[in-house]
Amino acid sequence: MTIAILLFLIFLFISSIHFYWAFGGKWGSDAVLPTKDDNNTKVLNPTILPTLIVAFGLLGFGLFILVMSGLITFNKTHWLSKYGLWIIASIFTLRAIGDFKYVGFFKKIKQTKFGKNDTKYFSPLCLTIGVLTIILELIK
């Protein structure tokens, strides 16, 4: 139950930051998107809609964690009960591994503002989420 609550709080926090950005917030936004070697050219320039999709997705993952841990009762399909936690764990573990160029532990471009933050914070957080979700799946 502790793992489920911790994961929910992580997802809630990350989701809240994305909602903040979607509605015009600027804090931290200059260091969370991958850039090319010049540290100025962003690889991604998400608009409001993709940012909201990510925000709702992260919130949904957090709520799903609570459902799967039994803290919230919700009728779910068989396949979602069987594979949902594995899907979440895979998404975040793969994100931690990365694309081998801009994001993840094995990225080539490491010296940008994003690259340094990704190495110190984002990739370890994604790996932690992946591992905790796997643990939650194995003990449920």
N, C-alpha and C. Protein backbone atom coordinates (compact mmCIF):
# COMPACT_ATOMS: atom_id res chain seq x y z
N MET A 1 0.82 -1.19 0.00
CA MET A 1 0.00 0.00 0.00
C MET A 1 0.88 1.26 0.00
N THR A 2 2.00 1.22 0.68
CA THR A 2 2.91 2.36 0.72
C THR A 2 3.44 2.68 -0.67
N ILE A 3 3.78 1.65 -1.44
CA ILE A 3 4.28 1.84 -2.79
C ILE A 3 3.20 2.49 -3.65
N ALA A 4 1.97 2.04 -3.52
CA ALA A 4 0.87 2.59 -4.31
C ALA A 4 0.65 4.07 -3.99
N ILE A 5 0.67 4.42 -2.73
CA ILE A 5 0.47 5.82 -2.34
C ILE A 5 1.64 6.67 -2.84
N LEU A 6 2.86 6.16 -2.71
CA LEU A 6 4.03 6.90 -3.19
C LEU A 6 3.93 7.13 -4.70
N LEU A 7 3.61 6.09 -5.45
CA LEU A 7 3.47 6.23 -6.90
C LEU A 7 2.36 7.21 -7.25
N PHE A 8 1.23 7.13 -6.56
CA PHE A 8 0.14 8.06 -6.81
C PHE A 8 0.59 9.50 -6.58
N LEU A 9 1.30 9.74 -5.49
CA LEU A 9 1.76 11.10 -5.20
C LEU A 9 2.76 11.60 -6.25
N ILE A 10 3.62 10.72 -6.72
CA ILE A 10 4.56 11.08 -7.78
C ILE A 10 3.78 11.47 -9.04
N PHE A 11 2.83 10.62 -9.44
CA PHE A 11 2.04 10.91 -10.63
C PHE A 11 1.21 12.18 -10.46
N LEU A 12 0.66 12.39 -9.29
CA LEU A 12 -0.12 13.59 -9.02
C LEU A 12 0.76 14.84 -9.16
N PHE A 13 1.95 14.79 -8.61
CA PHE A 13 2.87 15.92 -8.68
C PHE A 13 3.27 16.21 -10.13
N ILE A 14 3.67 15.18 -10.86
CA ILE A 14 4.10 15.39 -12.25
C ILE A 14 2.92 15.86 -13.10
N SER A 15 1.76 15.30 -12.86
CA SER A 15 0.57 15.72 -13.59
C SER A 15 0.25 17.19 -13.31
N SER A 16 0.36 17.59 -12.05
CA SER A 16 0.09 18.99 -11.68
C SER A 16 1.02 19.95 -12.39
N ILE A 17 2.28 19.58 -12.51
CA ILE A 17 3.24 20.43 -13.22
C ILE A 17 2.83 20.58 -14.69
N HIS A 18 2.39 19.48 -15.31
CA HIS A 18 1.96 19.55 -16.70
C HIS A 18 0.70 20.40 -16.86
N PHE A 19 -0.24 20.32 -15.93
CA PHE A 19 -1.42 21.19 -15.98
C PHE A 19 -0.99 22.65 -15.86
N TYR A 20 -0.05 22.92 -14.97
CA TYR A 20 0.48 24.27 -14.79
C TYR A 20 1.05 24.80 -16.10
N TRP A 21 1.87 23.97 -16.79
CA TRP A 21 2.44 24.39 -18.06
C TRP A 21 1.36 24.56 -19.13
N ALA A 22 0.39 23.65 -19.15
CA ALA A 22 -0.67 23.72 -20.16
C ALA A 22 -1.45 25.02 -20.06
N PHE A 23 -1.59 25.53 -18.85
CA PHE A 23 -2.36 26.76 -18.65
C PHE A 23 -1.49 28.00 -18.55
N GLY A 24 -0.27 27.91 -19.10
CA GLY A 24 0.55 29.10 -19.26
C GLY A 24 1.70 29.28 -18.29
N GLY A 25 1.86 28.38 -17.34
CA GLY A 25 2.97 28.50 -16.40
C GLY A 25 4.32 28.37 -17.09
N LYS A 26 5.29 29.09 -16.62
CA LYS A 26 6.62 29.08 -17.24
C LYS A 26 7.71 28.48 -16.36
N TRP A 27 7.48 28.39 -15.06
CA TRP A 27 8.51 27.90 -14.15
C TRP A 27 9.01 26.53 -14.59
N GLY A 28 10.31 26.41 -14.76
CA GLY A 28 10.93 25.12 -15.09
C GLY A 28 10.82 24.71 -16.54
N SER A 29 10.03 25.41 -17.32
CA SER A 29 9.77 24.96 -18.68
C SER A 29 10.99 25.05 -19.60
N ASP A 30 11.97 25.86 -19.24
CA ASP A 30 13.15 26.00 -20.09
C ASP A 30 14.14 24.84 -19.95
N ALA A 31 13.91 23.95 -18.99
CA ALA A 31 14.87 22.87 -18.74
C ALA A 31 14.25 21.48 -18.81
N VAL A 32 13.03 21.37 -19.34
CA VAL A 32 12.37 20.07 -19.34
C VAL A 32 12.13 19.49 -20.73
N LEU A 33 12.55 20.24 -21.75
CA LEU A 33 12.41 19.74 -23.11
C LEU A 33 13.81 19.56 -23.71
N PRO A 34 14.03 18.43 -24.40
CA PRO A 34 15.35 18.20 -24.99
C PRO A 34 15.68 19.25 -26.05
N THR A 35 16.95 19.62 -26.06
CA THR A 35 17.44 20.56 -27.07
C THR A 35 18.61 19.94 -27.82
N LYS A 36 18.88 20.51 -28.97
CA LYS A 36 20.05 20.07 -29.73
C LYS A 36 21.30 20.56 -29.04
N ASP A 37 22.45 20.23 -29.59
CA ASP A 37 23.73 20.58 -28.98
C ASP A 37 23.89 22.07 -28.67
N ASP A 38 23.20 22.92 -29.42
CA ASP A 38 23.35 24.36 -29.22
C ASP A 38 22.65 24.85 -27.95
N ASN A 39 21.90 23.98 -27.28
CA ASN A 39 21.20 24.29 -26.02
C ASN A 39 20.05 25.27 -26.22
N ASN A 40 19.72 25.61 -27.47
CA ASN A 40 18.63 26.56 -27.74
C ASN A 40 17.53 25.97 -28.62
N THR A 41 17.88 25.11 -29.55
CA THR A 41 16.91 24.55 -30.49
C THR A 41 16.22 23.36 -29.85
N LYS A 42 14.94 23.54 -29.51
CA LYS A 42 14.18 22.46 -28.87
C LYS A 42 13.84 21.37 -29.88
N VAL A 43 13.93 20.14 -29.42
CA VAL A 43 13.58 18.99 -30.24
C VAL A 43 12.06 18.87 -30.32
N LEU A 44 11.38 19.24 -29.25
CA LEU A 44 9.92 19.22 -29.17
C LEU A 44 9.43 20.61 -28.80
N ASN A 45 8.28 20.98 -29.33
CA ASN A 45 7.63 22.23 -28.95
C ASN A 45 6.15 21.94 -28.72
N PRO A 46 5.83 21.26 -27.62
CA PRO A 46 4.43 20.86 -27.41
C PRO A 46 3.52 22.07 -27.17
N THR A 47 2.33 21.97 -27.72
CA THR A 47 1.31 22.99 -27.50
C THR A 47 0.45 22.59 -26.31
N ILE A 48 -0.63 23.31 -26.12
CA ILE A 48 -1.50 23.05 -24.97
C ILE A 48 -2.10 21.64 -25.01
N LEU A 49 -2.60 21.22 -26.16
CA LEU A 49 -3.28 19.92 -26.25
C LEU A 49 -2.38 18.74 -25.87
N PRO A 50 -1.18 18.61 -26.45
CA PRO A 50 -0.33 17.49 -26.03
C PRO A 50 0.06 17.56 -24.55
N THR A 51 0.25 18.77 -24.05
CA THR A 51 0.61 18.92 -22.63
C THR A 51 -0.55 18.48 -21.75
N LEU A 52 -1.78 18.81 -22.15
CA LEU A 52 -2.96 18.35 -21.39
C LEU A 52 -3.13 16.84 -21.48
N ILE A 53 -2.85 16.27 -22.64
CA ILE A 53 -2.94 14.81 -22.79
C ILE A 53 -1.97 14.13 -21.84
N VAL A 54 -0.75 14.64 -21.77
CA VAL A 54 0.24 14.08 -20.85
C VAL A 54 -0.23 14.25 -19.40
N ALA A 55 -0.74 15.44 -19.07
CA ALA A 55 -1.20 15.71 -17.70
C ALA A 55 -2.32 14.75 -17.30
N PHE A 56 -3.31 14.58 -18.17
CA PHE A 56 -4.41 13.66 -17.86
C PHE A 56 -3.93 12.21 -17.85
N GLY A 57 -3.01 11.87 -18.73
CA GLY A 57 -2.46 10.51 -18.75
C GLY A 57 -1.75 10.18 -17.46
N LEU A 58 -0.92 11.10 -16.99
CA LEU A 58 -0.19 10.87 -15.73
C LEU A 58 -1.16 10.76 -14.55
N LEU A 59 -2.17 11.62 -14.54
CA LEU A 59 -3.18 11.54 -13.49
C LEU A 59 -3.93 10.21 -13.56
N GLY A 60 -4.22 9.78 -14.78
CA GLY A 60 -4.88 8.48 -14.97
C GLY A 60 -4.02 7.33 -14.49
N PHE A 61 -2.71 7.39 -14.76
CA PHE A 61 -1.81 6.35 -14.25
C PHE A 61 -1.85 6.31 -12.73
N GLY A 62 -1.83 7.47 -12.10
CA GLY A 62 -1.87 7.52 -10.64
C GLY A 62 -3.16 6.92 -10.09
N LEU A 63 -4.27 7.28 -10.70
CA LEU A 63 -5.56 6.73 -10.24
C LEU A 63 -5.62 5.23 -10.49
N PHE A 64 -5.08 4.78 -11.62
CA PHE A 64 -5.05 3.35 -11.92
C PHE A 64 -4.23 2.59 -10.87
N ILE A 65 -3.13 3.18 -10.44
CA ILE A 65 -2.31 2.57 -9.38
C ILE A 65 -3.16 2.37 -8.12
N LEU A 66 -3.95 3.40 -7.77
CA LEU A 66 -4.81 3.28 -6.58
C LEU A 66 -5.87 2.21 -6.77
N VAL A 67 -6.41 2.11 -7.97
CA VAL A 67 -7.41 1.07 -8.25
C VAL A 67 -6.79 -0.31 -8.12
N MET A 68 -5.62 -0.49 -8.72
CA MET A 68 -4.98 -1.81 -8.70
C MET A 68 -4.52 -2.20 -7.30
N SER A 69 -4.26 -1.21 -6.45
CA SER A 69 -3.84 -1.53 -5.08
C SER A 69 -5.04 -1.76 -4.17
N GLY A 70 -6.24 -1.51 -4.67
CA GLY A 70 -7.44 -1.71 -3.87
C GLY A 70 -7.84 -0.51 -3.03
N LEU A 71 -7.12 0.60 -3.16
CA LEU A 71 -7.46 1.80 -2.39
C LEU A 71 -8.68 2.51 -2.96
N ILE A 72 -8.95 2.30 -4.24
CA ILE A 72 -10.15 2.82 -4.89
C ILE A 72 -10.82 1.64 -5.58
N THR A 73 -12.12 1.56 -5.47
CA THR A 73 -12.87 0.49 -6.14
C THR A 73 -13.40 1.02 -7.46
N PHE A 74 -13.09 0.29 -8.52
CA PHE A 74 -13.53 0.68 -9.85
C PHE A 74 -13.58 -0.57 -10.69
N ASN A 75 -14.64 -0.72 -11.46
CA ASN A 75 -14.78 -1.88 -12.32
C ASN A 75 -13.86 -1.74 -13.53
N LYS A 76 -12.94 -2.68 -13.70
CA LYS A 76 -11.98 -2.61 -14.79
C LYS A 76 -12.05 -3.87 -15.64
N THR A 77 -11.61 -3.74 -16.88
CA THR A 77 -11.63 -4.89 -17.78
C THR A 77 -10.54 -5.88 -17.39
N HIS A 78 -10.72 -7.12 -17.83
CA HIS A 78 -9.77 -8.18 -17.50
C HIS A 78 -8.37 -7.88 -18.03
N TRP A 79 -8.29 -7.45 -19.29
CA TRP A 79 -6.97 -7.21 -19.88
C TRP A 79 -6.25 -6.06 -19.17
N LEU A 80 -7.01 -5.06 -18.74
CA LEU A 80 -6.39 -3.94 -18.04
C LEU A 80 -5.88 -4.38 -16.67
N SER A 81 -6.63 -5.23 -16.00
CA SER A 81 -6.18 -5.76 -14.71
C SER A 81 -4.93 -6.60 -14.87
N LYS A 82 -4.86 -7.32 -15.97
CA LYS A 82 -3.75 -8.23 -16.20
C LYS A 82 -2.49 -7.51 -16.69
N TYR A 83 -2.66 -6.52 -17.56
CA TYR A 83 -1.50 -5.91 -18.21
C TYR A 83 -1.25 -4.44 -17.86
N GLY A 84 -2.18 -3.77 -17.21
CA GLY A 84 -2.08 -2.34 -16.97
C GLY A 84 -0.81 -1.91 -16.26
N LEU A 85 -0.48 -2.56 -15.17
CA LEU A 85 0.73 -2.19 -14.43
C LEU A 85 1.98 -2.49 -15.24
N TRP A 86 1.94 -3.57 -16.00
CA TRP A 86 3.10 -3.90 -16.86
C TRP A 86 3.28 -2.83 -17.93
N ILE A 87 2.17 -2.32 -18.46
CA ILE A 87 2.25 -1.28 -19.48
C ILE A 87 2.88 -0.02 -18.89
N ILE A 88 2.41 0.39 -17.71
CA ILE A 88 2.97 1.58 -17.06
C ILE A 88 4.46 1.38 -16.77
N ALA A 89 4.80 0.22 -16.22
CA ALA A 89 6.21 -0.06 -15.91
C ALA A 89 7.06 -0.02 -17.18
N SER A 90 6.55 -0.56 -18.26
CA SER A 90 7.30 -0.57 -19.53
C SER A 90 7.50 0.83 -20.06
N ILE A 91 6.46 1.66 -20.03
CA ILE A 91 6.57 3.04 -20.53
C ILE A 91 7.69 3.77 -19.80
N PHE A 92 7.70 3.69 -18.47
CA PHE A 92 8.67 4.47 -17.71
C PHE A 92 10.07 3.85 -17.72
N THR A 93 10.16 2.54 -17.80
CA THR A 93 11.48 1.90 -17.91
C THR A 93 12.10 2.23 -19.27
N LEU A 94 11.29 2.16 -20.32
CA LEU A 94 11.79 2.51 -21.65
C LEU A 94 12.18 3.98 -21.72
N ARG A 95 11.42 4.84 -21.06
CA ARG A 95 11.77 6.27 -21.03
C ARG A 95 13.11 6.47 -20.32
N ALA A 96 13.35 5.70 -19.26
CA ALA A 96 14.63 5.81 -18.54
C ALA A 96 15.78 5.36 -19.43
N ILE A 97 15.58 4.30 -20.20
CA ILE A 97 16.62 3.84 -21.13
C ILE A 97 16.84 4.91 -22.20
N GLY A 98 15.76 5.40 -22.77
CA GLY A 98 15.83 6.54 -23.67
C GLY A 98 15.86 6.21 -25.14
N ASP A 99 16.08 7.27 -25.92
CA ASP A 99 16.09 7.16 -27.39
C ASP A 99 17.51 7.10 -27.94
N PHE A 100 18.50 7.08 -27.06
CA PHE A 100 19.92 7.00 -27.40
C PHE A 100 20.47 8.27 -28.05
N LYS A 101 19.66 9.33 -28.11
CA LYS A 101 20.17 10.60 -28.64
C LYS A 101 19.92 11.75 -27.66
N TYR A 102 18.64 12.00 -27.31
CA TYR A 102 18.31 13.17 -26.50
C TYR A 102 17.86 12.84 -25.07
N VAL A 103 17.23 11.69 -24.85
CA VAL A 103 16.69 11.38 -23.53
C VAL A 103 17.15 10.01 -23.04
N GLY A 104 17.12 9.84 -21.73
CA GLY A 104 17.43 8.55 -21.13
C GLY A 104 18.88 8.44 -20.69
N PHE A 105 19.15 7.36 -19.99
CA PHE A 105 20.50 7.12 -19.47
C PHE A 105 21.54 6.95 -20.58
N PHE A 106 21.13 6.52 -21.74
CA PHE A 106 22.07 6.22 -22.81
C PHE A 106 22.08 7.29 -23.91
N LYS A 107 21.67 8.50 -23.58
CA LYS A 107 21.63 9.58 -24.58
C LYS A 107 23.04 10.02 -24.96
N LYS A 108 23.16 10.56 -26.16
CA LYS A 108 24.45 11.07 -26.64
C LYS A 108 24.62 12.54 -26.27
N ILE A 109 23.55 13.32 -26.34
CA ILE A 109 23.63 14.75 -26.06
C ILE A 109 23.34 14.95 -24.57
N LYS A 110 24.41 15.14 -23.80
CA LYS A 110 24.31 15.17 -22.34
C LYS A 110 24.60 16.53 -21.72
N GLN A 111 25.24 17.42 -22.44
CA GLN A 111 25.73 18.66 -21.83
C GLN A 111 24.76 19.83 -21.92
N THR A 112 23.58 19.62 -22.47
CA THR A 112 22.59 20.69 -22.50
C THR A 112 21.93 20.80 -21.12
N LYS A 113 21.18 21.86 -20.92
CA LYS A 113 20.46 22.04 -19.65
C LYS A 113 19.52 20.86 -19.41
N PHE A 114 18.76 20.49 -20.46
CA PHE A 114 17.88 19.34 -20.33
C PHE A 114 18.68 18.07 -20.08
N GLY A 115 19.75 17.87 -20.83
CA GLY A 115 20.55 16.65 -20.70
C GLY A 115 21.05 16.44 -19.29
N LYS A 116 21.50 17.51 -18.66
CA LYS A 116 21.99 17.42 -17.28
C LYS A 116 20.84 17.11 -16.33
N ASN A 117 19.69 17.77 -16.51
CA ASN A 117 18.52 17.49 -15.66
C ASN A 117 18.00 16.07 -15.88
N ASP A 118 18.04 15.64 -17.14
CA ASP A 118 17.58 14.29 -17.44
C ASP A 118 18.44 13.25 -16.74
N THR A 119 19.75 13.45 -16.76
CA THR A 119 20.65 12.51 -16.11
C THR A 119 20.46 12.51 -14.59
N LYS A 120 20.29 13.70 -14.00
CA LYS A 120 20.19 13.81 -12.54
C LYS A 120 18.80 13.49 -12.00
N TYR A 121 17.75 13.87 -12.73
CA TYR A 121 16.41 13.79 -12.16
C TYR A 121 15.42 12.95 -12.97
N PHE A 122 15.25 13.28 -14.25
CA PHE A 122 14.14 12.70 -15.02
C PHE A 122 14.30 11.20 -15.27
N SER A 123 15.47 10.78 -15.76
CA SER A 123 15.66 9.35 -16.03
C SER A 123 15.66 8.52 -14.74
N PRO A 124 16.34 8.96 -13.66
CA PRO A 124 16.23 8.18 -12.42
C PRO A 124 14.79 8.10 -11.89
N LEU A 125 14.03 9.19 -12.03
CA LEU A 125 12.63 9.16 -11.59
C LEU A 125 11.84 8.16 -12.42
N CYS A 126 12.04 8.16 -13.74
CA CYS A 126 11.33 7.21 -14.59
C CYS A 126 11.71 5.77 -14.26
N LEU A 127 12.97 5.51 -14.01
CA LEU A 127 13.40 4.17 -13.62
C LEU A 127 12.79 3.78 -12.28
N THR A 128 12.75 4.70 -11.35
CA THR A 128 12.13 4.44 -10.04
C THR A 128 10.65 4.09 -10.20
N ILE A 129 9.94 4.87 -11.03
CA ILE A 129 8.53 4.58 -11.28
C ILE A 129 8.38 3.19 -11.89
N GLY A 130 9.22 2.87 -12.87
CA GLY A 130 9.15 1.56 -13.50
C GLY A 130 9.39 0.43 -12.52
N VAL A 131 10.42 0.55 -11.71
CA VAL A 131 10.74 -0.50 -10.73
C VAL A 131 9.65 -0.63 -9.67
N LEU A 132 9.18 0.50 -9.14
CA LEU A 132 8.11 0.44 -8.12
C LEU A 132 6.82 -0.15 -8.68
N THR A 133 6.54 0.15 -9.94
CA THR A 133 5.32 -0.40 -10.56
C THR A 133 5.46 -1.92 -10.74
N ILE A 134 6.65 -2.36 -11.11
CA ILE A 134 6.89 -3.81 -11.22
C ILE A 134 6.73 -4.48 -9.86
N ILE A 135 7.30 -3.87 -8.83
CA ILE A 135 7.15 -4.42 -7.47
C ILE A 135 5.68 -4.50 -7.10
N LEU A 136 4.93 -3.42 -7.38
CA LEU A 136 3.50 -3.40 -7.07
C LEU A 136 2.77 -4.53 -7.81
N GLU A 137 3.11 -4.74 -9.07
CA GLU A 137 2.49 -5.82 -9.84
C GLU A 137 2.82 -7.18 -9.23
N LEU A 138 4.05 -7.38 -8.80
CA LEU A 138 4.45 -8.67 -8.28
C LEU A 138 3.87 -8.97 -6.90
N ILE A 139 3.55 -7.96 -6.12
CA ILE A 139 3.01 -8.21 -4.78
C ILE A 139 1.49 -8.12 -4.71
N LYS A 140 0.84 -7.73 -5.81
CA LYS A 140 -0.63 -7.57 -5.74
C LYS A 140 -1.36 -8.89 -5.64
